[in-house]
PDB file of N, CA and C in Angstrom:
ATOM      1  N   MET A   1    -224.686  34.849  62.927  1.00  0.00           N
ATOM      2  CA  MET A   1    -225.516  34.943  61.442  1.00  0.00           C
ATOM      3  C   MET A   1    -226.379  36.030  62.067  1.00  0.00           C
ATOM      4  N   ILE A   2    -226.665  37.103  61.346  1.00  0.00           N
ATOM      5  CA  ILE A   2    -227.819  38.269  61.238  1.00  0.00           C
ATOM      6  C   ILE A   2    -229.059  37.329  60.552  1.00  0.00           C
ATOM      7  N   ALA A   3    -230.124  37.672  61.151  1.00  0.00           N
ATOM      8  CA  ALA A   3    -231.618  37.511  60.358  1.00  0.00           C
ATOM      9  C   ALA A   3    -231.569  38.249  59.460  1.00  0.00           C
ATOM     10  N   VAL A   4    -232.904  37.257  59.310  1.00  0.00           N
ATOM     11  CA  VAL A   4    -233.150  37.752  57.613  1.00  0.00           C
ATOM     12  C   VAL A   4    -233.797  39.084  57.558  1.00  0.00           C
ATOM     13  N   HIS A   5    -234.954  39.277  58.609  1.00  0.00           N
ATOM     14  CA  HIS A   5    -235.448  40.425  58.606  1.00  0.00           C
ATOM     15  C   HIS A   5    -234.373  41.883  58.308  1.00  0.00           C
ATOM     16  N   GLU A   6    -233.231  41.462  59.391  1.00  0.00           N
ATOM     17  CA  GLU A   6    -232.591  42.262  59.481  1.00  0.00           C
ATOM     18  C   GLU A   6    -231.378  43.189  58.254  1.00  0.00           C
ATOM     19  N   ARG A   7    -231.128  41.489  57.695  1.00  0.00           N
ATOM     20  CA  ARG A   7    -230.458  41.488  56.506  1.00  0.00           C
ATOM     21  C   ARG A   7    -231.813  42.370  55.244  1.00  0.00           C
ATOM     22  N   ILE A   8    -232.378  42.409  55.163  1.00  0.00           N
ATOM     23  CA  ILE A   8    -233.936  42.877  54.248  1.00  0.00           C
ATOM     24  C   ILE A   8    -233.378  43.880  54.511  1.00  0.00           C
ATOM     25  N   GLU A   9    -233.466  44.799  55.277  1.00  0.00           N
ATOM     26  CA  GLU A   9    -233.657  46.139  55.743  1.00  0.00           C
ATOM     27  C   GLU A   9    -232.272  46.751  55.906  1.00  0.00           C
ATOM     28  N   GLN A  10    -231.522  46.163  56.187  1.00  0.00           N
ATOM     29  CA  GLN A  10    -229.688  46.826  55.830  1.00  0.00           C
ATOM     30  C   GLN A  10    -229.658  46.689  54.172  1.00  0.00           C
ATOM     31  N   ILE A  11    -230.146  46.106  53.379  1.00  0.00           N
ATOM     32  CA  ILE A  11    -230.183  46.215  51.972  1.00  0.00           C
ATOM     33  C   ILE A  11    -231.585  47.073  51.304  1.00  0.00           C
ATOM     34  N   ARG A  12    -232.222  46.852  51.814  1.00  0.00           N
ATOM     35  CA  ARG A  12    -233.557  48.351  51.754  1.00  0.00           C
ATOM     36  C   ARG A  12    -232.999  49.903  51.955  1.00  0.00           C
ATOM     37  N   VAL A  13    -232.246  49.612  53.058  1.00  0.00           N
ATOM     38  CA  VAL A  13    -231.873  51.269  53.437  1.00  0.00           C
ATOM     39  C   VAL A  13    -230.416  51.394  52.585  1.00  0.00           C
ATOM     40  N   ASP A  14    -229.632  50.273  52.190  1.00  0.00           N
ATOM     41  CA  ASP A  14    -228.519  50.793  50.702  1.00  0.00           C
ATOM     42  C   ASP A  14    -228.697  51.090  50.226  1.00  0.00           C
ATOM     43  N   ARG A  15    -230.230  50.480  49.409  1.00  0.00           N
ATOM     44  CA  ARG A  15    -230.770  50.991  47.926  1.00  0.00           C
ATOM     45  C   ARG A  15    -231.677  52.184  47.902  1.00  0.00           C
ATOM     46  N   GLY A  16    -231.780  52.415  49.027  1.00  0.00           N
ATOM     47  CA  GLY A  16    -232.968  53.735  49.277  1.00  0.00           C
ATOM     48  C   GLY A  16    -233.993  53.615  48.749  1.00  0.00           C
ATOM     49  N   VAL A  17    -235.075  52.376  49.305  1.00  0.00           N
ATOM     50  CA  VAL A  17    -235.788  51.698  48.952  1.00  0.00           C
ATOM     51  C   VAL A  17    -236.911  52.160  50.218  1.00  0.00           C
ATOM     52  N   THR A  18    -238.097  52.849  49.948  1.00  0.00           N
ATOM     53  CA  THR A  18    -238.850  52.987  51.602  1.00  0.00           C
ATOM     54  C   THR A  18    -239.619  51.875  51.835  1.00  0.00           C
ATOM     55  N   LYS A  19    -239.936  52.052  53.261  1.00  0.00           N
ATOM     56  CA  LYS A  19    -240.437  50.741  53.679  1.00  0.00           C
ATOM     57  C   LYS A  19    -242.311  50.823  52.930  1.00  0.00           C
ATOM     58  N   SER A  20    -242.940  51.812  52.620  1.00  0.00           N
ATOM     59  CA  SER A  20    -244.213  52.346  52.491  1.00  0.00           C
ATOM     60  C   SER A  20    -244.041  51.815  50.470  1.00  0.00           C
ATOM     61  N   TYR A  21    -242.815  51.983  49.967  1.00  0.00           N
ATOM     62  CA  TYR A  21    -242.772  51.275  48.324  1.00  0.00           C
ATOM     63  C   TYR A  21    -242.962  49.595  48.805  1.00  0.00           C
ATOM     64  N   LEU A  22    -242.129  49.117  49.609  1.00  0.00           N
ATOM     65  CA  LEU A  22    -242.050  47.397  49.788  1.00  0.00           C
ATOM     66  C   LEU A  22    -243.387  46.835  49.960  1.00  0.00           C
ATOM     67  N   ALA A  23    -243.802  47.709  51.106  1.00  0.00           N
ATOM     68  CA  ALA A  23    -245.209  47.463  52.112  1.00  0.00           C
ATOM     69  C   ALA A  23    -246.096  47.541  50.595  1.00  0.00           C
ATOM     70  N   LYS A  24    -246.285  48.455  50.054  1.00  0.00           N
ATOM     71  CA  LYS A  24    -247.089  48.313  48.623  1.00  0.00           C
ATOM     72  C   LYS A  24    -246.613  47.120  47.282  1.00  0.00           C
ATOM     73  N   LYS A  25    -245.851  46.656  47.271  1.00  0.00           N
ATOM     74  CA  LYS A  25    -245.375  45.722  46.522  1.00  0.00           C
ATOM     75  C   LYS A  25    -245.934  44.351  46.791  1.00  0.00           C
ATOM     76  N   LEU A  26    -245.758  44.213  48.082  1.00  0.00           N
ATOM     77  CA  LEU A  26    -246.106  43.383  48.974  1.00  0.00           C
ATOM     78  C   LEU A  26    -247.597  43.305  49.091  1.00  0.00           C
ATOM     79  N   GLY A  27    -248.215  44.438  48.938  1.00  0.00           N
ATOM     80  CA  GLY A  27    -249.803  44.395  48.999  1.00  0.00           C
ATOM     81  C   GLY A  27    -250.030  44.159  50.631  1.00  0.00           C
ATOM     82  N   ILE A  28    -249.414  44.844  51.785  1.00  0.00           N
ATOM     83  CA  ILE A  28    -249.970  44.596  52.822  1.00  0.00           C
ATOM     84  C   ILE A  28    -249.687  46.884  52.981  1.00  0.00           C
ATOM     85  N   THR A  29    -250.076  46.683  54.495  1.00  0.00           N
ATOM     86  CA  THR A  29    -250.098  47.872  55.161  1.00  0.00           C
ATOM     87  C   THR A  29    -248.694  47.823  55.748  1.00  0.00           C
ATOM     88  N   ALA A  30    -248.189  49.215  55.991  1.00  0.00           N
ATOM     89  CA  ALA A  30    -246.984  50.173  56.360  1.00  0.00           C
ATOM     90  C   ALA A  30    -246.970  49.039  57.604  1.00  0.00           C
ATOM     91  N   MET A  31    -248.139  49.198  58.032  1.00  0.00           N
ATOM     92  CA  MET A  31    -247.914  48.199  59.384  1.00  0.00           C
ATOM     93  C   MET A  31    -247.702  46.940  59.239  1.00  0.00           C
ATOM     94  N   GLY A  32    -248.249  46.329  58.374  1.00  0.00           N
ATOM     95  CA  GLY A  32    -247.578  45.217  58.179  1.00  0.00           C
ATOM     96  C   GLY A  32    -246.337  44.761  57.459  1.00  0.00           C
ATOM     97  N   TYR A  33    -245.932  45.785  56.697  1.00  0.00           N
ATOM     98  CA  TYR A  33    -244.796  45.799  56.271  1.00  0.00           C
ATOM     99  C   TYR A  33    -243.391  45.663  57.848  1.00  0.00           C
ATOM    100  N   HIS A  34    -243.895  46.371  58.306  1.00  0.00           N
ATOM    101  CA  HIS A  34    -243.286  46.870  60.236  1.00  0.00           C
ATOM    102  C   HIS A  34    -243.153  45.499  61.053  1.00  0.00           C
ATOM    103  N   HIS A  35    -244.115  44.944  60.824  1.00  0.00           N
ATOM    104  CA  HIS A  35    -244.557  43.421  61.234  1.00  0.00           C
ATOM    105  C   HIS A  35    -243.471  42.692  60.920  1.00  0.00           C
ATOM    106  N   LEU A  36    -243.139  42.501  59.610  1.00  0.00           N
ATOM    107  CA  LEU A  36    -242.590  42.078  58.254  1.00  0.00           C
ATOM    108  C   LEU A  36    -240.625  42.115  59.066  1.00  0.00           C
ATOM    109  N   ALA A  37    -240.434  43.534  58.894  1.00  0.00           N
ATOM    110  CA  ALA A  37    -239.312  44.553  58.970  1.00  0.00           C
ATOM    111  C   ALA A  37    -238.865  44.247  60.821  1.00  0.00           C
ATOM    112  N   THR A  38    -239.182  43.858  61.241  1.00  0.00           N
ATOM    113  CA  THR A  38    -238.585  43.845  62.584  1.00  0.00           C
ATOM    114  C   THR A  38    -238.856  42.541  63.202  1.00  0.00           C
ATOM    115  N   GLY A  39    -239.589  41.568  62.594  1.00  0.00           N
ATOM    116  CA  GLY A  39    -239.002  40.151  62.748  1.00  0.00           C
ATOM    117  C   GLY A  39    -240.726  39.136  63.681  1.00  0.00           C
ATOM    118  N   ARG A  40    -241.555  40.357  63.804  1.00  0.00           N
ATOM    119  CA  ARG A  40    -242.246  40.269  64.585  1.00  0.00           C
ATOM    120  C   ARG A  40    -243.745  39.255  63.931  1.00  0.00           C
ATOM    121  N   SER A  41    -243.894  39.350  62.312  1.00  0.00           N
ATOM    122  CA  SER A  41    -244.361  38.391  61.533  1.00  0.00           C
ATOM    123  C   SER A  41    -243.313  38.108  60.773  1.00  0.00           C
ATOM    124  N   PRO A  42    -243.545  36.061  60.429  1.00  0.00           N
ATOM    125  CA  PRO A  42    -242.344  35.753  59.198  1.00  0.00           C
ATOM    126  C   PRO A  42    -242.686  35.741  58.325  1.00  0.00           C
ATOM    127  N   ILE A  43    -241.956  35.875  57.637  1.00  0.00           N
ATOM    128  CA  ILE A  43    -241.695  36.178  56.190  1.00  0.00           C
ATOM    129  C   ILE A  43    -241.596  35.081  55.676  1.00  0.00           C
ATOM    130  N   SER A  44    -242.525  34.895  54.255  1.00  0.00           N
ATOM    131  CA  SER A  44    -243.042  33.733  53.440  1.00  0.00           C
ATOM    132  C   SER A  44    -241.904  33.853  52.502  1.00  0.00           C
ATOM    133  N   THR A  45    -241.581  32.564  51.288  1.00  0.00           N
ATOM    134  CA  THR A  45    -240.814  32.949  50.781  1.00  0.00           C
ATOM    135  C   THR A  45    -241.857  33.504  49.048  1.00  0.00           C
ATOM    136  N   ASP A  46    -242.864  34.025  48.971  1.00  0.00           N
ATOM    137  CA  ASP A  46    -243.244  34.251  47.911  1.00  0.00           C
ATOM    138  C   ASP A  46    -243.003  35.448  48.216  1.00  0.00           C
ATOM    139  N   SER A  47    -242.877  36.231  49.739  1.00  0.00           N
ATOM    140  CA  SER A  47    -243.059  37.669  50.099  1.00  0.00           C
ATOM    141  C   SER A  47    -241.357  38.234  49.808  1.00  0.00           C
ATOM    142  N   LEU A  48    -240.759  37.047  50.434  1.00  0.00           N
ATOM    143  CA  LEU A  48    -238.966  36.805  50.035  1.00  0.00           C
ATOM    144  C   LEU A  48    -238.599  37.321  48.432  1.00  0.00           C
ATOM    145  N   GLN A  49    -239.342  36.525  47.588  1.00  0.00           N
ATOM    146  CA  GLN A  49    -239.327  36.830  46.245  1.00  0.00           C
ATOM    147  C   GLN A  49    -239.654  38.236  45.788  1.00  0.00           C
ATOM    148  N   ILE A  50    -240.680  38.897  45.746  1.00  0.00           N
ATOM    149  CA  ILE A  50    -241.244  40.089  45.740  1.00  0.00           C
ATOM    150  C   ILE A  50    -239.865  40.833  46.675  1.00  0.00           C
ATOM    151  N   ILE A  51    -239.780  40.799  47.767  1.00  0.00           N
ATOM    152  CA  ILE A  51    -239.016  41.946  48.346  1.00  0.00           C
ATOM    153  C   ILE A  51    -237.280  41.803  47.455  1.00  0.00           C
ATOM    154  N   ALA A  52    -237.321  40.589  47.258  1.00  0.00           N
ATOM    155  CA  ALA A  52    -236.154  40.557  46.182  1.00  0.00           C
ATOM    156  C   ALA A  52    -236.491  41.339  45.012  1.00  0.00           C
ATOM    157  N   GLU A  53    -236.922  41.334  44.155  1.00  0.00           N
ATOM    158  CA  GLU A  53    -237.611  41.722  42.840  1.00  0.00           C
ATOM    159  C   GLU A  53    -237.451  43.037  42.667  1.00  0.00           C
ATOM    160  N   ALA A  54    -238.138  43.849  44.210  1.00  0.00           N
ATOM    161  CA  ALA A  54    -238.212  45.654  44.523  1.00  0.00           C
ATOM    162  C   ALA A  54    -237.239  45.914  44.829  1.00  0.00           C
ATOM    163  N   LEU A  55    -235.988  44.951  45.488  1.00  0.00           N
ATOM    164  CA  LEU A  55    -234.864  45.292  45.619  1.00  0.00           C
ATOM    165  C   LEU A  55    -233.025  45.522  44.562  1.00  0.00           C
ATOM    166  N   GLU A  56    -233.896  44.496  43.911  1.00  0.00           N
ATOM    167  CA  GLU A  56    -233.020  44.169  42.747  1.00  0.00           C
ATOM    168  C   GLU A  56    -232.026  43.539  43.254  1.00  0.00           C
ATOM    169  N   VAL A  57    -231.911  42.723  44.221  1.00  0.00           N
ATOM    170  CA  VAL A  57    -231.230  41.680  44.401  1.00  0.00           C
ATOM    171  C   VAL A  57    -231.784  40.226  43.864  1.00  0.00           C
ATOM    172  N   ASP A  58    -231.006  39.321  44.105  1.00  0.00           N
ATOM    173  CA  ASP A  58    -231.164  37.866  44.640  1.00  0.00           C
ATOM    174  C   ASP A  58    -231.268  37.337  45.671  1.00  0.00           C
ATOM    175  N   PRO A  59    -232.464  36.774  45.922  1.00  0.00           N
ATOM    176  CA  PRO A  59    -232.981  36.566  47.214  1.00  0.00           C
ATOM    177  C   PRO A  59    -231.726  36.008  48.328  1.00  0.00           C
ATOM    178  N   ARG A  60    -230.896  35.081  47.626  1.00  0.00           N
ATOM    179  CA  ARG A  60    -230.293  34.203  48.479  1.00  0.00           C
ATOM    180  C   ARG A  60    -229.362  35.442  48.682  1.00  0.00           C
ATOM    181  N   ASN A  61    -229.235  36.698  48.427  1.00  0.00           N
ATOM    182  CA  ASN A  61    -229.026  38.086  49.275  1.00  0.00           C
ATOM    183  C   ASN A  61    -228.926  37.962  50.755  1.00  0.00           C
ATOM    184  N   PHE A  62    -230.348  37.772  51.192  1.00  0.00           N
ATOM    185  CA  PHE A  62    -231.239  37.621  52.423  1.00  0.00           C
ATOM    186  C   PHE A  62    -230.092  36.724  53.152  1.00  0.00           C
ATOM    187  N   PHE A  63    -229.954  35.809  53.218  1.00  0.00           N
ATOM    188  CA  PHE A  63    -229.193  35.097  53.616  1.00  0.00           C
ATOM    189  C   PHE A  63    -227.219  34.480  54.240  1.00  0.00           C
ATOM    190  N   ALA A  64    -227.191  35.793  54.148  1.00  0.00           N
ATOM    191  CA  ALA A  64    -225.289  35.861  53.660  1.00  0.00           C
ATOM    192  C   ALA A  64    -225.137  36.022  54.476  1.00  0.00           C
TER     193      ALA A  64
END
């Protein structure tokens, strides 16, 4: 099973969304997003929902 942060990154790249765009949506710095994207920081359920909305996907897609 692929890790949630890796799945988010796959979807982000497939949709052509930048890391800085997601960082802005989350209200964090680019470095803060980098820590989420690499698994260094945990992703809260609230952040998962914001990311899903920004990527226009169902949050359940992150767990596929």
